[in-house]
C-alpha atoms as a PDB file:
ATOM      1  CA  MET A   1      -7.456   5.345 -24.306  1.00  0.00           C
ATOM      2  CA  ARG A   2      -4.005   6.740 -23.725  1.00  0.00           C
ATOM      3  CA  ILE A   3      -1.336   4.304 -22.561  1.00  0.00           C
ATOM      4  CA  PRO A   4      -0.028   5.279 -19.095  1.00  0.00           C
ATOM      5  CA  SER A   5       3.568   6.501 -19.120  1.00  0.00           C
ATOM      6  CA  GLU A   6       4.766   3.899 -16.597  1.00  0.00           C
ATOM      7  CA  LEU A   7       3.463   1.157 -18.892  1.00  0.00           C
ATOM      8  CA  SER A   8       5.220   2.739 -21.857  1.00  0.00           C
ATOM      9  CA  VAL A   9       8.512   2.903 -19.954  1.00  0.00           C
ATOM     10  CA  ARG A  10       8.165  -0.724 -18.899  1.00  0.00           C
ATOM     11  CA  ALA A  11       7.484  -1.799 -22.476  1.00  0.00           C
ATOM     12  CA  ILE A  12      10.503   0.100 -23.779  1.00  0.00           C
ATOM     13  CA  ASN A  13      12.688  -1.453 -21.060  1.00  0.00           C
ATOM     14  CA  ASP A  14      11.427  -4.898 -22.159  1.00  0.00           C
ATOM     15  CA  GLY A  15      12.377  -4.098 -25.766  1.00  0.00           C
ATOM     16  CA  ILE A  16       8.803  -3.720 -26.977  1.00  0.00           C
ATOM     17  CA  PHE A  17       8.062  -1.159 -29.649  1.00  0.00           C
ATOM     18  CA  ILE A  18       4.873   0.816 -29.212  1.00  0.00           C
ATOM     19  CA  THR A  19       3.200   1.428 -32.529  1.00  0.00           C
ATOM     20  CA  LYS A  20       0.745   4.167 -33.401  1.00  0.00           C
ATOM     21  CA  GLY A  21      -2.758   3.198 -32.408  1.00  0.00           C
ATOM     22  CA  MET A  22      -1.660   0.349 -30.127  1.00  0.00           C
ATOM     23  CA  THR A  23      -4.173  -0.321 -27.395  1.00  0.00           C
ATOM     24  CA  MET A  24      -3.308  -0.776 -23.760  1.00  0.00           C
ATOM     25  CA  THR A  25      -4.721  -4.318 -23.941  1.00  0.00           C
ATOM     26  CA  ARG A  26      -2.417  -5.281 -26.795  1.00  0.00           C
ATOM     27  CA  LEU A  27       0.575  -3.698 -25.069  1.00  0.00           C
ATOM     28  CA  ILE A  28      -0.082  -5.587 -21.823  1.00  0.00           C
ATOM     29  CA  ARG A  29      -0.308  -8.860 -23.767  1.00  0.00           C
ATOM     30  CA  ARG A  30       3.050  -8.117 -25.393  1.00  0.00           C
ATOM     31  CA  ILE A  31       4.550  -7.386 -21.978  1.00  0.00           C
ATOM     32  CA  GLN A  32       3.127 -10.657 -20.646  1.00  0.00           C
ATOM     33  CA  ARG A  33       4.634 -12.566 -23.588  1.00  0.00           C
ATOM     34  CA  SER A  34       8.027 -10.854 -23.249  1.00  0.00           C
ATOM     35  CA  GLU A  35       8.162 -11.810 -19.565  1.00  0.00           C
ATOM     36  CA  GLY A  36       7.404 -15.468 -20.288  1.00  0.00           C
ATOM     37  CA  HIS A  37       3.724 -15.472 -19.326  1.00  0.00           C
ATOM     38  CA  LEU A  38       0.649 -16.471 -21.277  1.00  0.00           C
ATOM     39  CA  PRO A  39      -0.639 -13.336 -23.080  1.00  0.00           C
ATOM     40  CA  CYS A  40      -4.126 -13.710 -21.635  1.00  0.00           C
ATOM     41  CA  PHE A  41      -5.054 -10.167 -20.564  1.00  0.00           C
ATOM     42  CA  ARG A  42      -8.772  -9.604 -21.256  1.00  0.00           C
ATOM     43  CA  THR A  43      -9.152 -12.769 -23.314  1.00  0.00           C
ATOM     44  CA  ASP A  44     -11.698 -15.545 -22.785  1.00  0.00           C
ATOM     45  CA  ALA A  45      -9.239 -17.108 -20.332  1.00  0.00           C
ATOM     46  CA  ARG A  46     -10.368 -14.598 -17.693  1.00  0.00           C
ATOM     47  CA  ASP A  47     -13.662 -16.480 -17.353  1.00  0.00           C
ATOM     48  CA  PHE A  48     -11.755 -19.377 -15.790  1.00  0.00           C
ATOM     49  CA  CYS A  49      -8.760 -17.537 -14.330  1.00  0.00           C
ATOM     50  CA  GLN A  50      -7.950 -18.217 -10.692  1.00  0.00           C
ATOM     51  CA  ASP A  51      -5.203 -15.580 -10.422  1.00  0.00           C
ATOM     52  CA  THR A  52      -5.475 -12.827  -7.861  1.00  0.00           C
ATOM     53  CA  LYS A  53      -3.650  -9.537  -7.553  1.00  0.00           C
ATOM     54  CA  GLU A  54      -0.964 -11.379  -5.591  1.00  0.00           C
ATOM     55  CA  THR A  55      -0.288 -13.861  -8.405  1.00  0.00           C
ATOM     56  CA  CYS A  56      -0.944 -11.629 -11.426  1.00  0.00           C
ATOM     57  CA  GLU A  57      -0.396  -7.896 -11.498  1.00  0.00           C
ATOM     58  CA  TRP A  58      -3.061  -7.479 -14.189  1.00  0.00           C
ATOM     59  CA  ALA A  59      -5.815  -9.520 -12.468  1.00  0.00           C
ATOM     60  CA  ASP A  60      -7.928  -6.623 -11.202  1.00  0.00           C
ATOM     61  CA  ASP A  61      -7.897  -4.713 -14.494  1.00  0.00           C
ATOM     62  CA  CYS A  62      -8.527  -7.878 -16.451  1.00  0.00           C
ATOM     63  CA  LYS A  63     -11.355  -9.476 -14.520  1.00  0.00           C
ATOM     64  CA  HIS A  64     -13.326  -6.321 -13.767  1.00  0.00           C
ATOM     65  CA  ALA A  65     -13.358  -4.932 -17.300  1.00  0.00           C
ATOM     66  CA  LEU A  66     -16.666  -4.627 -19.067  1.00  0.00           C
ATOM     67  CA  ILE A  67     -17.713  -7.660 -21.084  1.00  0.00           C
ATOM     68  CA  ALA A  68     -19.888  -7.273 -24.166  1.00  0.00           C
ATOM     69  CA  HIS A  69     -23.447  -8.520 -23.729  1.00  0.00           C
ATOM     70  CA  TRP A  70     -23.047 -11.110 -26.507  1.00  0.00           C
ATOM     71  CA  GLN A  71     -20.039 -12.605 -24.679  1.00  0.00           C
ATOM     72  CA  ARG A  72     -21.832 -13.204 -21.377  1.00  0.00           C
END
């Protein structure tokens, strides 16, 4: 999946280098870390996460992503 340009610009502004083959998930986690947040995007933490779109800008993309059958 191609990383959206607005996400790339944000990463560059935060001083994050985007490497070849970097996934959007990994980039979002690096952005979270650089902004002082737990890098939890699409990790097991989403099973217990109480954040909403108002408290976490990534909540909708994180919680509604497909989960592998073996992880359910």
